[in-house]
């Protein structure tokens, strides 16, 4: 049964609409990073614009994959990887610009690496630990934060950097909270005598 399901998934075309959107997001990462090497108002605006467009493709690829039943093995692997690359590399580029504290970046990236490891262990045992709502809210706040921190400059009398920093603090709290929740669920599944 498992082999038939795997065969069925492997026979699906790799370059469907959701996977194409994920690849577009992958291609947008160096564009965002290049824009951030020009930290003036225009470079910052373009970085925020391309980051926003890339984030929207993340929403759309999941929507289309579910709507048309075009979930593929490649998509399952590539989608979360590209998301982590987009967020992590953008945050790293913002460090030397003085727009994000390095300790926050370390905590957020360390959480992502640790959870990826736990997911790999669980998957090896045939167990899928679903992402929680906390994790989804964390991703949303992270996206808002990074758009604000990329923009950086005031617009219409609003200090966008401060707005981005507020969202970043919210994202950090949810990052730690959802990470703890994930570790707790992992522990209850894999430690004998726990439920």
Protein backbone atom coordinates (compact mmCIF):
# COMPACT_ATOMS: atom_id res chain seq x y z
CA UNK A 1 0.00 0.00 0.00
CA UNK A 2 2.77 2.43 0.96
CA UNK A 3 4.78 1.51 -2.14
CA UNK A 4 1.76 2.07 -4.40
CA UNK A 5 1.13 5.48 -2.82
CA UNK A 6 4.80 6.40 -3.29
CA UNK A 7 4.73 5.19 -6.90
CA UNK A 8 1.61 7.27 -7.53
CA UNK A 9 3.25 10.39 -6.10
CA UNK A 10 6.48 9.85 -8.05
CA UNK A 11 4.54 9.59 -11.33
CA UNK A 12 3.02 13.07 -10.91
CA UNK A 13 4.62 15.71 -13.15
CA UNK A 14 7.33 17.60 -11.30
CA UNK A 15 6.79 20.98 -12.91
CA UNK A 16 3.19 21.60 -12.00
CA UNK A 17 1.88 25.03 -10.95
CA UNK A 18 2.65 24.69 -7.20
CA UNK A 19 6.22 23.49 -7.83
CA UNK A 20 6.74 26.24 -10.40
CA UNK A 21 5.68 28.81 -7.78
CA UNK A 22 8.11 27.27 -5.29
CA UNK A 23 10.91 27.47 -7.88
CA UNK A 24 9.98 31.11 -8.55
CA UNK A 25 10.35 31.73 -4.81
CA UNK A 26 13.76 30.05 -4.89
CA UNK A 27 14.86 32.29 -7.77
CA UNK A 28 13.63 35.37 -5.90
CA UNK A 29 15.97 34.73 -2.94
CA UNK A 30 19.15 36.04 -4.65
CA UNK A 31 17.12 38.99 -5.96
CA UNK A 32 16.12 39.95 -2.40
CA UNK A 33 19.71 39.52 -1.22
CA UNK A 34 21.14 41.62 -4.07
CA UNK A 35 18.64 44.40 -3.34
CA UNK A 36 19.76 44.41 0.31
CA UNK A 37 23.36 45.05 -0.79
CA UNK A 38 22.02 48.49 -1.79
CA UNK A 39 20.56 49.56 1.57
CA UNK A 40 19.31 52.94 0.40
CA UNK A 41 15.58 53.65 0.19
CA UNK A 42 15.17 52.18 -3.32
CA UNK A 43 17.18 49.01 -2.64
CA UNK A 44 15.29 48.50 0.62
CA UNK A 45 11.94 49.03 -1.08
CA UNK A 46 12.78 46.53 -3.84
CA UNK A 47 14.00 43.96 -1.29
CA UNK A 48 10.70 44.32 0.60
CA UNK A 49 8.71 44.08 -2.64
CA UNK A 50 10.45 40.90 -3.85
CA UNK A 51 10.27 39.37 -0.35
CA UNK A 52 6.52 40.08 -0.28
CA UNK A 53 6.00 38.53 -3.73
CA UNK A 54 8.03 35.48 -2.70
CA UNK A 55 5.95 35.12 0.48
CA UNK A 56 2.75 35.28 -1.57
CA UNK A 57 3.96 32.40 -3.77
CA UNK A 58 4.25 30.33 -0.58
CA UNK A 59 0.55 30.86 0.13
CA UNK A 60 -0.44 30.24 -3.48
CA UNK A 61 1.59 27.06 -4.02
CA UNK A 62 -0.04 25.38 -1.02
CA UNK A 63 -3.49 26.53 -2.11
CA UNK A 64 -3.09 25.21 -5.66
CA UNK A 65 -1.46 21.95 -4.53
CA UNK A 66 -4.43 21.18 -2.28
CA UNK A 67 -7.09 22.45 -4.68
CA UNK A 68 -5.89 20.45 -7.68
CA UNK A 69 -4.41 17.48 -5.80
CA UNK A 70 -0.96 18.12 -7.24
CA UNK A 71 1.07 17.49 -4.09
CA UNK A 72 4.37 15.87 -5.13
CA UNK A 73 7.37 14.44 -3.32
CA UNK A 74 9.49 17.24 -4.80
CA UNK A 75 7.04 19.85 -3.53
CA UNK A 76 6.97 18.34 -0.03
CA UNK A 77 10.77 18.54 0.08
CA UNK A 78 11.33 21.82 -1.74
CA UNK A 79 8.59 24.02 -0.26
CA UNK A 80 9.72 24.06 3.40
CA UNK A 81 13.39 24.18 2.37
CA UNK A 82 12.87 27.25 0.17
CA UNK A 83 10.81 28.93 2.92
CA UNK A 84 13.61 28.45 5.44
CA UNK A 85 16.23 29.70 2.97
CA UNK A 86 14.20 32.82 2.15
CA UNK A 87 13.64 33.77 5.78
CA UNK A 88 17.08 32.77 7.11
CA UNK A 89 19.13 34.41 4.36
CA UNK A 90 17.08 37.60 4.49
CA UNK A 91 17.58 37.83 8.26
CA UNK A 92 21.32 37.19 7.89
CA UNK A 93 21.59 39.98 5.29
CA UNK A 94 19.81 42.38 7.67
CA UNK A 95 22.38 41.82 10.47
CA UNK A 96 25.26 43.91 9.03
CA UNK A 97 22.74 46.63 8.13
CA UNK A 98 21.95 46.94 11.84
CA UNK A 99 18.27 46.18 11.25
CA UNK A 100 18.02 42.94 13.24
CA UNK A 101 19.89 41.72 16.35
CA UNK A 102 22.18 38.78 15.69
CA UNK A 103 20.97 36.89 18.80
CA UNK A 104 17.40 36.88 17.47
CA UNK A 105 18.57 35.47 14.15
CA UNK A 106 20.55 32.75 15.96
CA UNK A 107 17.53 31.72 18.06
CA UNK A 108 15.15 31.63 15.10
CA UNK A 109 17.51 29.70 12.81
CA UNK A 110 18.55 27.29 15.60
CA UNK A 111 14.88 26.48 16.22
CA UNK A 112 14.32 25.77 12.53
CA UNK A 113 17.36 23.48 12.31
CA UNK A 114 16.38 21.61 15.50
CA UNK A 115 12.81 21.08 14.34
CA UNK A 116 13.96 19.93 10.91
CA UNK A 117 16.10 17.31 12.68
CA UNK A 118 13.18 16.16 14.82
CA UNK A 119 10.92 15.94 11.78
CA UNK A 120 13.55 13.78 10.08
CA UNK A 121 13.69 11.43 13.08
CA UNK A 122 9.89 11.23 13.25
CA UNK A 123 9.62 10.67 9.49
CA UNK A 124 12.16 7.85 9.76
CA UNK A 125 9.76 6.18 12.19
CA UNK A 126 6.81 6.77 9.86
CA UNK A 127 5.33 9.47 12.10
CA UNK A 128 4.28 12.90 10.86
CA UNK A 129 4.04 15.60 13.50
CA UNK A 130 1.77 18.21 11.97
CA UNK A 131 2.67 21.89 12.12
CA UNK A 132 0.66 23.66 14.78
CA UNK A 133 -1.30 26.87 14.40
CA UNK A 134 1.38 28.55 16.50
CA UNK A 135 3.92 27.71 13.79
CA UNK A 136 1.66 29.16 11.09
CA UNK A 137 1.14 32.38 13.08
CA UNK A 138 4.91 32.53 13.66
CA UNK A 139 5.52 32.34 9.91
CA UNK A 140 3.00 35.11 9.27
CA UNK A 141 4.54 37.43 11.89
CA UNK A 142 8.02 36.65 10.57
CA UNK A 143 6.97 37.66 7.08
CA UNK A 144 5.45 40.95 8.28
CA UNK A 145 8.57 41.61 10.36
CA UNK A 146 10.96 41.00 7.50
CA UNK A 147 8.98 43.15 5.08
CA UNK A 148 9.11 45.99 7.63
CA UNK A 149 12.81 45.49 8.36
CA UNK A 150 13.63 45.36 4.64
CA UNK A 151 11.67 48.58 4.04
CA UNK A 152 13.34 50.19 7.09
CA UNK A 153 12.74 53.82 6.09
CA UNK A 154 9.74 55.90 7.24
CA UNK A 155 6.72 55.97 4.93
CA UNK A 156 3.75 58.30 5.39
CA UNK A 157 5.09 59.39 8.77
CA UNK A 158 5.26 55.81 10.08
CA UNK A 159 8.55 54.41 11.40
CA UNK A 160 8.47 51.14 9.43
CA UNK A 161 11.59 49.83 11.16
CA UNK A 162 9.87 50.04 14.56
CA UNK A 163 6.76 48.31 13.14
CA UNK A 164 8.98 45.53 11.73
CA UNK A 165 10.76 45.18 15.08
CA UNK A 166 7.44 44.83 16.94
CA UNK A 167 6.38 42.05 14.55
CA UNK A 168 9.81 40.45 14.98
CA UNK A 169 9.38 40.30 18.76
CA UNK A 170 5.98 38.68 18.27
CA UNK A 171 7.53 36.21 15.81
CA UNK A 172 10.33 35.42 18.27
CA UNK A 173 7.86 34.68 21.08
CA UNK A 174 5.84 32.38 18.80
CA UNK A 175 9.06 30.82 17.48
CA UNK A 176 10.08 29.77 20.99
CA UNK A 177 6.55 28.81 22.03
CA UNK A 178 5.81 26.72 18.93
CA UNK A 179 9.29 25.16 19.17
CA UNK A 180 8.59 24.13 22.76
CA UNK A 181 5.19 22.74 21.71
CA UNK A 182 6.82 20.70 18.94
CA UNK A 183 9.52 19.32 21.27
CA UNK A 184 6.83 18.44 23.83
CA UNK A 185 4.80 16.52 21.22
CA UNK A 186 7.94 14.78 19.94
CA UNK A 187 8.91 13.79 23.51
CA UNK A 188 5.44 12.39 24.25
CA UNK A 189 5.61 10.22 21.10
CA UNK A 190 9.13 8.89 21.47
CA UNK A 191 9.80 8.58 25.19
CA UNK A 192 8.31 5.39 26.70
CA UNK A 193 5.64 5.93 29.33
CA UNK A 194 4.71 9.38 28.02
CA UNK A 195 1.46 10.29 26.27
